């Protein structure tokens, strides 16, 4: 299993912490600046998107499912979803979403739908998939899993076996109705990278105290053995979730996993929300759209 040592830079305007008391969304990104000493990733075989037969790189309709990242949470409005800047289905020209890239602006408005829900975990994916099949899409875009790791404590994280069972149930719900619909599955973002960068910012750390991903971000300056083991446990779980996403996707003829591209992307200050420095900004959403489109548009991944 891979061990990551990444980080993300975050800055935050003073005085907003009080507004963020209601924050409950719990997704994450990493960073594009060099990690602190000892946080570099260990060498591993390069990952590549899962190969699929007769992949259609130009689907005519799209449904997105997942969590707050796909809803554009905190990207353009404080404590609010902003689906118009969603990497998957957004209409904002500065994002150039996956739907717009694949279908054009007019086509995206008519033939793409977003059923992601802020705060969703993998256990919620089967019901989202049941909604997705009603649209009979040619492509389903999936990004979910960060909330399964972002819990009150490491002990509260979703067990890997449950994560796998729920993902398999979601795929089965899709296949029962649409046996040949294509599926793009994005990896869970790197949570430890965000901690390693954000802990250098005093205001950002105050925001984290309000309850943002405590399993990883609680007591960010503690470097005790216990704190380090807790963060390592969360990171190991994220990597295990990504292994599940890859393995289940490999078992499906029409599923393409991103090869850990989202996990590996080095999000930086410009790609993080100016309100919580945790969710992607508009710029970050655009980067996610680029990653997804690159992988989906490859005829032979």
C-alpha atoms as a PDB file:
ATOM      1  CA  UNK A   1       0.000   0.000   0.000  1.00  0.00           C
ATOM      2  CA  UNK A   2       1.347   3.445  -0.915  1.00  0.00           C
ATOM      3  CA  UNK A   3       2.452   5.914   1.735  1.00  0.00           C
ATOM      4  CA  UNK A   4       2.031   9.605   0.833  1.00  0.00           C
ATOM      5  CA  UNK A   5       3.744  12.608   2.323  1.00  0.00           C
ATOM      6  CA  UNK A   6       2.200  15.636   0.542  1.00  0.00           C
ATOM      7  CA  UNK A   7       1.026  19.065   1.593  1.00  0.00           C
ATOM      8  CA  UNK A   8      -1.165  22.047   0.450  1.00  0.00           C
ATOM      9  CA  UNK A   9      -0.744  25.752   1.178  1.00  0.00           C
ATOM     10  CA  UNK A  10      -3.750  27.578   2.641  1.00  0.00           C
ATOM     11  CA  UNK A  11      -4.388  31.191   3.587  1.00  0.00           C
ATOM     12  CA  UNK A  12      -7.581  32.610   4.971  1.00  0.00           C
ATOM     13  CA  UNK A  13      -9.114  36.044   5.568  1.00  0.00           C
ATOM     14  CA  UNK A  14      -9.353  36.954   9.242  1.00  0.00           C
ATOM     15  CA  UNK A  15     -12.763  37.108  10.799  1.00  0.00           C
ATOM     16  CA  UNK A  16     -14.416  34.332   8.773  1.00  0.00           C
ATOM     17  CA  UNK A  17     -13.907  31.564  11.332  1.00  0.00           C
ATOM     18  CA  UNK A  18     -17.065  32.471  13.218  1.00  0.00           C
ATOM     19  CA  UNK A  19     -19.111  32.136  10.045  1.00  0.00           C
ATOM     20  CA  UNK A  20     -17.745  28.654   9.467  1.00  0.00           C
ATOM     21  CA  UNK A  21     -19.124  27.168  12.687  1.00  0.00           C
ATOM     22  CA  UNK A  22     -21.772  25.396  10.625  1.00  0.00           C
ATOM     23  CA  UNK A  23     -19.320  23.733   8.246  1.00  0.00           C
ATOM     24  CA  UNK A  24     -20.155  20.088   7.870  1.00  0.00           C
ATOM     25  CA  UNK A  25     -18.836  19.282   4.383  1.00  0.00           C
ATOM     26  CA  UNK A  26     -15.765  17.074   4.575  1.00  0.00           C
ATOM     27  CA  UNK A  27     -13.823  16.609   1.355  1.00  0.00           C
ATOM     28  CA  UNK A  28     -10.190  17.306   0.719  1.00  0.00           C
ATOM     29  CA  UNK A  29      -7.430  18.112  -1.696  1.00  0.00           C
ATOM     30  CA  UNK A  30      -3.644  18.207  -1.554  1.00  0.00           C
ATOM     31  CA  UNK A  31      -1.189  20.995  -2.737  1.00  0.00           C
ATOM     32  CA  UNK A  32       1.253  21.917  -5.526  1.00  0.00           C
ATOM     33  CA  UNK A  33       4.172  23.261  -3.504  1.00  0.00           C
ATOM     34  CA  UNK A  34       6.987  20.958  -2.388  1.00  0.00           C
ATOM     35  CA  UNK A  35       6.111  18.935   0.707  1.00  0.00           C
ATOM     36  CA  UNK A  36       7.991  19.415   3.975  1.00  0.00           C
ATOM     37  CA  UNK A  37      10.970  17.224   4.615  1.00  0.00           C
ATOM     38  CA  UNK A  38       9.823  13.680   5.196  1.00  0.00           C
ATOM     39  CA  UNK A  39       6.506  14.079   3.359  1.00  0.00           C
ATOM     40  CA  UNK A  40       7.627  13.038  -0.136  1.00  0.00           C
ATOM     41  CA  UNK A  41       5.797  10.039  -1.632  1.00  0.00           C
ATOM     42  CA  UNK A  42       7.604   6.723  -1.661  1.00  0.00           C
ATOM     43  CA  UNK A  43       8.466   5.275  -5.030  1.00  0.00           C
ATOM     44  CA  UNK A  44       5.778   3.013  -6.482  1.00  0.00           C
ATOM     45  CA  UNK A  45       4.898   1.543  -9.850  1.00  0.00           C
ATOM     46  CA  UNK A  46       3.169   4.156 -11.970  1.00  0.00           C
ATOM     47  CA  UNK A  47      -0.611   3.832 -12.049  1.00  0.00           C
ATOM     48  CA  UNK A  48      -2.599   4.098 -15.237  1.00  0.00           C
ATOM     49  CA  UNK A  49      -6.318   4.315 -15.947  1.00  0.00           C
ATOM     50  CA  UNK A  50      -8.119   0.983 -16.018  1.00  0.00           C
ATOM     51  CA  UNK A  51      -8.314  -0.339 -19.594  1.00  0.00           C
ATOM     52  CA  UNK A  52     -11.791  -0.995 -20.961  1.00  0.00           C
ATOM     53  CA  UNK A  53     -13.020  -2.516 -24.213  1.00  0.00           C
ATOM     54  CA  UNK A  54     -14.513  -0.326 -26.923  1.00  0.00           C
ATOM     55  CA  UNK A  55     -14.467   2.787 -24.741  1.00  0.00           C
ATOM     56  CA  UNK A  56     -16.586   5.591 -26.185  1.00  0.00           C
ATOM     57  CA  UNK A  57     -14.634   8.818 -25.694  1.00  0.00           C
ATOM     58  CA  UNK A  58     -17.580  10.951 -26.854  1.00  0.00           C
ATOM     59  CA  UNK A  59     -20.644  10.022 -24.764  1.00  0.00           C
ATOM     60  CA  UNK A  60     -23.820  11.971 -25.466  1.00  0.00           C
ATOM     61  CA  UNK A  61     -25.119  12.312 -21.890  1.00  0.00           C
ATOM     62  CA  UNK A  62     -23.664  12.472 -18.386  1.00  0.00           C
ATOM     63  CA  UNK A  63     -24.771  12.073 -14.762  1.00  0.00           C
ATOM     64  CA  UNK A  64     -22.484  13.004 -11.856  1.00  0.00           C
ATOM     65  CA  UNK A  65     -22.746  11.401  -8.412  1.00  0.00           C
ATOM     66  CA  UNK A  66     -20.699  11.935  -5.278  1.00  0.00           C
ATOM     67  CA  UNK A  67     -20.180  14.465  -2.484  1.00  0.00           C
ATOM     68  CA  UNK A  68     -19.504  18.148  -1.857  1.00  0.00           C
ATOM     69  CA  UNK A  69     -16.610  18.395  -4.300  1.00  0.00           C
ATOM     70  CA  UNK A  70     -18.978  17.583  -7.159  1.00  0.00           C
ATOM     71  CA  UNK A  71     -21.521  20.040  -5.756  1.00  0.00           C
ATOM     72  CA  UNK A  72     -18.936  22.867  -5.827  1.00  0.00           C
ATOM     73  CA  UNK A  73     -19.311  23.429  -2.071  1.00  0.00           C
ATOM     74  CA  UNK A  74     -17.572  26.615  -0.863  1.00  0.00           C
ATOM     75  CA  UNK A  75     -16.148  27.263  -4.318  1.00  0.00           C
ATOM     76  CA  UNK A  76     -18.038  30.497  -4.965  1.00  0.00           C
ATOM     77  CA  UNK A  77     -20.378  30.947  -1.982  1.00  0.00           C
ATOM     78  CA  UNK A  78     -19.578  30.557   1.701  1.00  0.00           C
ATOM     79  CA  UNK A  79     -21.134  27.447   3.264  1.00  0.00           C
ATOM     80  CA  UNK A  80     -23.117  26.772   0.094  1.00  0.00           C
ATOM     81  CA  UNK A  81     -23.177  24.432  -2.848  1.00  0.00           C
ATOM     82  CA  UNK A  82     -22.242  26.098  -6.119  1.00  0.00           C
ATOM     83  CA  UNK A  83     -23.092  23.500  -8.776  1.00  0.00           C
ATOM     84  CA  UNK A  84     -22.556  25.973 -11.593  1.00  0.00           C
ATOM     85  CA  UNK A  85     -18.801  25.569 -11.004  1.00  0.00           C
ATOM     86  CA  UNK A  86     -18.855  21.793 -10.534  1.00  0.00           C
ATOM     87  CA  UNK A  87     -15.987  20.021 -12.285  1.00  0.00           C
ATOM     88  CA  UNK A  88     -18.494  17.488 -13.600  1.00  0.00           C
ATOM     89  CA  UNK A  89     -21.578  19.377 -14.750  1.00  0.00           C
ATOM     90  CA  UNK A  90     -20.971  23.084 -14.130  1.00  0.00           C
ATOM     91  CA  UNK A  91     -21.910  25.764 -16.641  1.00  0.00           C
ATOM     92  CA  UNK A  92     -19.314  28.365 -15.582  1.00  0.00           C
ATOM     93  CA  UNK A  93     -16.995  29.077 -18.515  1.00  0.00           C
ATOM     94  CA  UNK A  94     -13.953  29.460 -16.255  1.00  0.00           C
ATOM     95  CA  UNK A  95     -14.307  25.831 -15.167  1.00  0.00           C
ATOM     96  CA  UNK A  96     -15.030  24.313 -18.587  1.00  0.00           C
ATOM     97  CA  UNK A  97     -16.617  21.332 -16.885  1.00  0.00           C
ATOM     98  CA  UNK A  98     -16.478  17.749 -18.038  1.00  0.00           C
ATOM     99  CA  UNK A  99     -20.028  17.997 -19.357  1.00  0.00           C
ATOM    100  CA  UNK A 100     -19.240  21.141 -21.367  1.00  0.00           C
ATOM    101  CA  UNK A 101     -16.069  19.594 -22.771  1.00  0.00           C
ATOM    102  CA  UNK A 102     -17.904  16.456 -23.842  1.00  0.00           C
ATOM    103  CA  UNK A 103     -21.304  17.810 -24.857  1.00  0.00           C
ATOM    104  CA  UNK A 104     -20.796  21.506 -25.547  1.00  0.00           C
ATOM    105  CA  UNK A 105     -22.500  24.223 -23.506  1.00  0.00           C
ATOM    106  CA  UNK A 106     -25.948  23.637 -24.995  1.00  0.00           C
ATOM    107  CA  UNK A 107     -25.645  19.881 -24.743  1.00  0.00           C
ATOM    108  CA  UNK A 108     -24.450  20.067 -21.143  1.00  0.00           C
ATOM    109  CA  UNK A 109     -27.491  22.136 -20.193  1.00  0.00           C
ATOM    110  CA  UNK A 110     -29.820  19.564 -21.725  1.00  0.00           C
ATOM    111  CA  UNK A 111     -28.078  16.223 -21.189  1.00  0.00           C
ATOM    112  CA  UNK A 112     -26.114  16.371 -17.919  1.00  0.00           C
ATOM    113  CA  UNK A 113     -27.390  16.038 -14.352  1.00  0.00           C
ATOM    114  CA  UNK A 114     -25.787  16.316 -10.918  1.00  0.00           C
ATOM    115  CA  UNK A 115     -27.056  14.047  -8.136  1.00  0.00           C
ATOM    116  CA  UNK A 116     -24.086  14.494  -5.781  1.00  0.00           C
ATOM    117  CA  UNK A 117     -24.886  15.515  -2.198  1.00  0.00           C
ATOM    118  CA  UNK A 118     -22.661  17.507   0.161  1.00  0.00           C
ATOM    119  CA  UNK A 119     -21.575  15.299   3.050  1.00  0.00           C
ATOM    120  CA  UNK A 120     -22.351  12.040   1.219  1.00  0.00           C
ATOM    121  CA  UNK A 121     -20.416   8.868   1.979  1.00  0.00           C
ATOM    122  CA  UNK A 122     -20.078   5.678  -0.004  1.00  0.00           C
ATOM    123  CA  UNK A 123     -23.153   4.273   1.767  1.00  0.00           C
ATOM    124  CA  UNK A 124     -25.163   6.998  -0.024  1.00  0.00           C
ATOM    125  CA  UNK A 125     -23.915   6.101  -3.485  1.00  0.00           C
ATOM    126  CA  UNK A 126     -26.402   3.295  -4.274  1.00  0.00           C
ATOM    127  CA  UNK A 127     -29.350   5.678  -3.841  1.00  0.00           C
ATOM    128  CA  UNK A 128     -27.633   8.326  -5.960  1.00  0.00           C
ATOM    129  CA  UNK A 129     -26.989   5.707  -8.632  1.00  0.00           C
ATOM    130  CA  UNK A 130     -30.653   4.737  -8.567  1.00  0.00           C
ATOM    131  CA  UNK A 131     -31.459   8.360  -9.385  1.00  0.00           C
ATOM    132  CA  UNK A 132     -28.799   8.435 -12.079  1.00  0.00           C
ATOM    133  CA  UNK A 133     -30.232   5.503 -14.025  1.00  0.00           C
ATOM    134  CA  UNK A 134     -33.554   7.293 -14.453  1.00  0.00           C
ATOM    135  CA  UNK A 135     -31.761   9.635 -16.863  1.00  0.00           C
ATOM    136  CA  UNK A 136     -30.316   6.701 -18.832  1.00  0.00           C
ATOM    137  CA  UNK A 137     -26.909   8.385 -19.207  1.00  0.00           C
ATOM    138  CA  UNK A 138     -24.162   7.129 -21.471  1.00  0.00           C
ATOM    139  CA  UNK A 139     -21.573   8.137 -18.839  1.00  0.00           C
ATOM    140  CA  UNK A 140     -21.705   8.255 -15.036  1.00  0.00           C
ATOM    141  CA  UNK A 141     -18.971  10.270 -13.279  1.00  0.00           C
ATOM    142  CA  UNK A 142     -18.224   9.210  -9.683  1.00  0.00           C
ATOM    143  CA  UNK A 143     -16.196  11.072  -7.047  1.00  0.00           C
ATOM    144  CA  UNK A 144     -16.834   9.978  -3.460  1.00  0.00           C
ATOM    145  CA  UNK A 145     -14.998   8.652  -0.412  1.00  0.00           C
ATOM    146  CA  UNK A 146     -13.346  11.568   1.368  1.00  0.00           C
ATOM    147  CA  UNK A 147     -16.180  11.762   3.891  1.00  0.00           C
ATOM    148  CA  UNK A 148     -15.680   8.101   4.739  1.00  0.00           C
ATOM    149  CA  UNK A 149     -12.197   8.999   6.006  1.00  0.00           C
ATOM    150  CA  UNK A 150     -13.087  12.457   7.368  1.00  0.00           C
ATOM    151  CA  UNK A 151     -14.792  11.385  10.564  1.00  0.00           C
ATOM    152  CA  UNK A 152     -14.738  12.516  14.186  1.00  0.00           C
ATOM    153  CA  UNK A 153     -11.879  10.109  14.823  1.00  0.00           C
ATOM    154  CA  UNK A 154      -9.875   7.519  12.931  1.00  0.00           C
ATOM    155  CA  UNK A 155     -11.890   4.829  14.702  1.00  0.00           C
ATOM    156  CA  UNK A 156     -15.069   6.180  13.087  1.00  0.00           C
ATOM    157  CA  UNK A 157     -13.861   5.818   9.506  1.00  0.00           C
ATOM    158  CA  UNK A 158     -15.900   3.558   7.230  1.00  0.00           C
ATOM    159  CA  UNK A 159     -14.476   0.020   7.295  1.00  0.00           C
ATOM    160  CA  UNK A 160     -12.896  -0.955   3.991  1.00  0.00           C
ATOM    161  CA  UNK A 161     -15.178  -3.984   3.645  1.00  0.00           C
ATOM    162  CA  UNK A 162     -18.274  -1.773   4.018  1.00  0.00           C
ATOM    163  CA  UNK A 163     -16.855   0.744   1.556  1.00  0.00           C
ATOM    164  CA  UNK A 164     -16.345  -2.058  -0.972  1.00  0.00           C
ATOM    165  CA  UNK A 165     -19.812  -3.548  -0.418  1.00  0.00           C
ATOM    166  CA  UNK A 166     -21.514  -0.188  -0.884  1.00  0.00           C
ATOM    167  CA  UNK A 167     -19.561   0.572  -4.044  1.00  0.00           C
ATOM    168  CA  UNK A 168     -20.392  -2.858  -5.446  1.00  0.00           C
ATOM    169  CA  UNK A 169     -24.066  -2.264  -4.603  1.00  0.00           C
ATOM    170  CA  UNK A 170     -23.955   1.075  -6.421  1.00  0.00           C
ATOM    171  CA  UNK A 171     -22.423  -0.515  -9.499  1.00  0.00           C
ATOM    172  CA  UNK A 172     -25.006  -3.304  -9.368  1.00  0.00           C
ATOM    173  CA  UNK A 173     -27.799  -0.727  -9.212  1.00  0.00           C
ATOM    174  CA  UNK A 174     -26.397   0.821 -12.367  1.00  0.00           C
ATOM    175  CA  UNK A 175     -25.900  -2.459 -14.192  1.00  0.00           C
ATOM    176  CA  UNK A 176     -29.394  -3.725 -13.405  1.00  0.00           C
ATOM    177  CA  UNK A 177     -30.778  -0.909 -15.537  1.00  0.00           C
ATOM    178  CA  UNK A 178     -27.901   0.139 -17.801  1.00  0.00           C
ATOM    179  CA  UNK A 179     -25.559  -2.782 -18.475  1.00  0.00           C
ATOM    180  CA  UNK A 180     -23.413  -0.862 -20.948  1.00  0.00           C
ATOM    181  CA  UNK A 181     -23.318   2.660 -19.513  1.00  0.00           C
ATOM    182  CA  UNK A 182     -19.750   3.864 -19.064  1.00  0.00           C
ATOM    183  CA  UNK A 183     -18.432   4.844 -15.632  1.00  0.00           C
ATOM    184  CA  UNK A 184     -15.581   7.189 -14.760  1.00  0.00           C
ATOM    185  CA  UNK A 185     -14.354   6.787 -11.182  1.00  0.00           C
ATOM    186  CA  UNK A 186     -12.145   9.465  -9.607  1.00  0.00           C
ATOM    187  CA  UNK A 187      -9.797   8.597  -6.766  1.00  0.00           C
ATOM    188  CA  UNK A 188     -10.247   9.992  -3.247  1.00  0.00           C
ATOM    189  CA  UNK A 189      -8.096  13.129  -2.831  1.00  0.00           C
ATOM    190  CA  UNK A 190      -4.972  13.166  -0.652  1.00  0.00           C
ATOM    191  CA  UNK A 191      -5.906  14.288   2.884  1.00  0.00           C
ATOM    192  CA  UNK A 192      -2.482  14.131   4.487  1.00  0.00           C
ATOM    193  CA  UNK A 193      -1.013  16.558   2.005  1.00  0.00           C
ATOM    194  CA  UNK A 194      -3.573  19.168   3.073  1.00  0.00           C
ATOM    195  CA  UNK A 195      -2.581  18.730   6.728  1.00  0.00           C
ATOM    196  CA  UNK A 196       1.149  18.985   6.037  1.00  0.00           C
ATOM    197  CA  UNK A 197       0.757  22.302   4.223  1.00  0.00           C
ATOM    198  CA  UNK A 198      -2.170  23.897   6.042  1.00  0.00           C
ATOM    199  CA  UNK A 199      -0.680  23.434   9.496  1.00  0.00           C
ATOM    200  CA  UNK A 200       1.822  26.183   8.703  1.00  0.00           C
ATOM    201  CA  UNK A 201      -1.020  28.733   8.463  1.00  0.00           C
ATOM    202  CA  UNK A 202      -2.278  29.969  11.874  1.00  0.00           C
ATOM    203  CA  UNK A 203      -5.665  31.216  10.636  1.00  0.00           C
ATOM    204  CA  UNK A 204      -6.292  28.063   8.642  1.00  0.00           C
ATOM    205  CA  UNK A 205      -5.642  25.993  11.731  1.00  0.00           C
ATOM    206  CA  UNK A 206      -8.261  27.994  13.614  1.00  0.00           C
ATOM    207  CA  UNK A 207     -10.816  27.097  10.944  1.00  0.00           C
ATOM    208  CA  UNK A 208      -9.894  23.443  11.237  1.00  0.00           C
ATOM    209  CA  UNK A 209     -10.711  23.577  14.967  1.00  0.00           C
ATOM    210  CA  UNK A 210     -14.341  24.108  13.999  1.00  0.00           C
ATOM    211  CA  UNK A 211     -14.523  20.440  13.083  1.00  0.00           C
ATOM    212  CA  UNK A 212     -13.207  20.082   9.532  1.00  0.00           C
ATOM    213  CA  UNK A 213     -11.999  16.507   8.988  1.00  0.00           C
ATOM    214  CA  UNK A 214     -10.883  15.978  12.605  1.00  0.00           C
ATOM    215  CA  UNK A 215      -9.638  12.459  11.953  1.00  0.00           C
ATOM    216  CA  UNK A 216      -6.805  14.023   9.946  1.00  0.00           C
ATOM    217  CA  UNK A 217      -6.716  17.713  10.898  1.00  0.00           C
ATOM    218  CA  UNK A 218      -7.322  17.755  14.665  1.00  0.00           C
ATOM    219  CA  UNK A 219      -4.377  19.111  16.711  1.00  0.00           C
ATOM    220  CA  UNK A 220      -2.424  19.890  13.543  1.00  0.00           C
ATOM    221  CA  UNK A 221       0.795  20.874  15.331  1.00  0.00           C
ATOM    222  CA  UNK A 222       1.026  17.717  17.399  1.00  0.00           C
ATOM    223  CA  UNK A 223       3.865  15.518  16.177  1.00  0.00           C
ATOM    224  CA  UNK A 224       3.658  12.919  18.908  1.00  0.00           C
ATOM    225  CA  UNK A 225       3.712   9.237  18.102  1.00  0.00           C
ATOM    226  CA  UNK A 226      -0.021   9.000  18.754  1.00  0.00           C
ATOM    227  CA  UNK A 227      -0.864  11.926  16.474  1.00  0.00           C
ATOM    228  CA  UNK A 228       1.392  10.629  13.727  1.00  0.00           C
ATOM    229  CA  UNK A 229      -0.130   7.174  13.933  1.00  0.00           C
ATOM    230  CA  UNK A 230      -3.621   8.676  13.712  1.00  0.00           C
ATOM    231  CA  UNK A 231      -2.774  10.603  10.544  1.00  0.00           C
ATOM    232  CA  UNK A 232      -1.050   7.585   9.056  1.00  0.00           C
ATOM    233  CA  UNK A 233      -4.148   5.496   9.772  1.00  0.00           C
ATOM    234  CA  UNK A 234      -6.337   7.991   7.911  1.00  0.00           C
ATOM    235  CA  UNK A 235      -3.955   8.113   4.980  1.00  0.00           C
ATOM    236  CA  UNK A 236      -3.754   4.331   4.858  1.00  0.00           C
ATOM    237  CA  UNK A 237      -7.543   4.192   4.795  1.00  0.00           C
ATOM    238  CA  UNK A 238      -7.755   6.672   1.919  1.00  0.00           C
ATOM    239  CA  UNK A 239      -5.281   4.582  -0.038  1.00  0.00           C
ATOM    240  CA  UNK A 240      -7.257   1.442   0.785  1.00  0.00           C
ATOM    241  CA  UNK A 241     -10.419   3.132  -0.483  1.00  0.00           C
ATOM    242  CA  UNK A 242      -8.646   3.965  -3.728  1.00  0.00           C
ATOM    243  CA  UNK A 243      -7.545   0.347  -4.033  1.00  0.00           C
ATOM    244  CA  UNK A 244     -11.202  -0.665  -3.707  1.00  0.00           C
ATOM    245  CA  UNK A 245     -12.294   1.841  -6.357  1.00  0.00           C
ATOM    246  CA  UNK A 246      -9.660   0.519  -8.730  1.00  0.00           C
ATOM    247  CA  UNK A 247     -10.353  -3.168  -8.049  1.00  0.00           C
ATOM    248  CA  UNK A 248     -14.141  -2.932  -8.361  1.00  0.00           C
ATOM    249  CA  UNK A 249     -13.796  -0.818 -11.489  1.00  0.00           C
ATOM    250  CA  UNK A 250     -11.441  -3.367 -13.036  1.00  0.00           C
ATOM    251  CA  UNK A 251     -14.159  -5.995 -12.691  1.00  0.00           C
ATOM    252  CA  UNK A 252     -16.547  -3.963 -14.850  1.00  0.00           C
ATOM    253  CA  UNK A 253     -16.084  -3.924 -18.629  1.00  0.00           C
ATOM    254  CA  UNK A 254     -17.298  -0.353 -18.962  1.00  0.00           C
ATOM    255  CA  UNK A 255     -15.620   1.289 -15.975  1.00  0.00           C
ATOM    256  CA  UNK A 256     -12.513   3.462 -16.099  1.00  0.00           C
ATOM    257  CA  UNK A 257     -10.629   4.424 -12.925  1.00  0.00           C
ATOM    258  CA  UNK A 258      -8.453   7.549 -12.953  1.00  0.00           C
ATOM    259  CA  UNK A 259      -5.228   5.748 -12.022  1.00  0.00           C
ATOM    260  CA  UNK A 260      -4.958   7.824  -8.796  1.00  0.00           C
ATOM    261  CA  UNK A 261      -4.790  11.050 -10.820  1.00  0.00           C
ATOM    262  CA  UNK A 262      -6.937  13.072  -8.382  1.00  0.00           C
ATOM    263  CA  UNK A 263      -5.085  11.652  -5.384  1.00  0.00           C
ATOM    264  CA  UNK A 264      -1.750  12.529  -6.966  1.00  0.00           C
ATOM    265  CA  UNK A 265      -2.673  16.026  -8.190  1.00  0.00           C
ATOM    266  CA  UNK A 266      -0.721  18.673  -6.263  1.00  0.00           C
ATOM    267  CA  UNK A 267      -3.411  21.224  -5.444  1.00  0.00           C
ATOM    268  CA  UNK A 268      -2.028  24.568  -4.290  1.00  0.00           C
ATOM    269  CA  UNK A 269      -3.310  27.809  -2.813  1.00  0.00           C
ATOM    270  CA  UNK A 270      -5.093  28.866  -6.003  1.00  0.00           C
ATOM    271  CA  UNK A 271      -6.962  25.570  -6.142  1.00  0.00           C
ATOM    272  CA  UNK A 272      -8.414  25.788  -2.609  1.00  0.00           C
ATOM    273  CA  UNK A 273     -11.554  27.549  -1.391  1.00  0.00           C
ATOM    274  CA  UNK A 274     -10.875  31.026  -0.003  1.00  0.00           C
ATOM    275  CA  UNK A 275     -13.447  30.272   2.700  1.00  0.00           C
ATOM    276  CA  UNK A 276     -12.372  26.933   4.133  1.00  0.00           C
ATOM    277  CA  UNK A 277      -9.062  26.094   2.401  1.00  0.00           C
ATOM    278  CA  UNK A 278     -10.269  22.539   2.177  1.00  0.00           C
ATOM    279  CA  UNK A 279     -12.661  22.194  -0.749  1.00  0.00           C
ATOM    280  CA  UNK A 280     -11.569  23.036  -4.310  1.00  0.00           C
ATOM    281  CA  UNK A 281     -11.881  26.622  -5.481  1.00  0.00           C
ATOM    282  CA  UNK A 282     -13.212  27.476  -8.929  1.00  0.00           C
ATOM    283  CA  UNK A 283      -9.660  27.040 -10.184  1.00  0.00           C
ATOM    284  CA  UNK A 284      -9.445  23.679  -8.423  1.00  0.00           C
ATOM    285  CA  UNK A 285     -12.717  22.572  -9.992  1.00  0.00           C
ATOM    286  CA  UNK A 286     -11.281  23.425 -13.406  1.00  0.00           C
ATOM    287  CA  UNK A 287      -8.241  21.268 -12.697  1.00  0.00           C
ATOM    288  CA  UNK A 288     -10.488  18.342 -11.763  1.00  0.00           C
ATOM    289  CA  UNK A 289     -12.409  18.814 -15.005  1.00  0.00           C
ATOM    290  CA  UNK A 290      -9.129  18.682 -16.935  1.00  0.00           C
ATOM    291  CA  UNK A 291      -8.114  15.434 -15.252  1.00  0.00           C
ATOM    292  CA  UNK A 292     -11.452  13.759 -15.894  1.00  0.00           C
ATOM    293  CA  UNK A 293     -11.672  14.869 -19.508  1.00  0.00           C
ATOM    294  CA  UNK A 294      -8.127  13.752 -20.269  1.00  0.00           C
ATOM    295  CA  UNK A 295      -8.816  10.246 -19.001  1.00  0.00           C
ATOM    296  CA  UNK A 296     -12.296   9.897 -20.467  1.00  0.00           C
ATOM    297  CA  UNK A 297     -11.282  11.217 -23.894  1.00  0.00           C
ATOM    298  CA  UNK A 298      -8.490   8.664 -24.290  1.00  0.00           C
ATOM    299  CA  UNK A 299      -9.711   6.018 -26.686  1.00  0.00           C
ATOM    300  CA  UNK A 300      -7.321   3.352 -25.374  1.00  0.00           C
ATOM    301  CA  UNK A 301      -6.376   4.051 -21.773  1.00  0.00           C
END
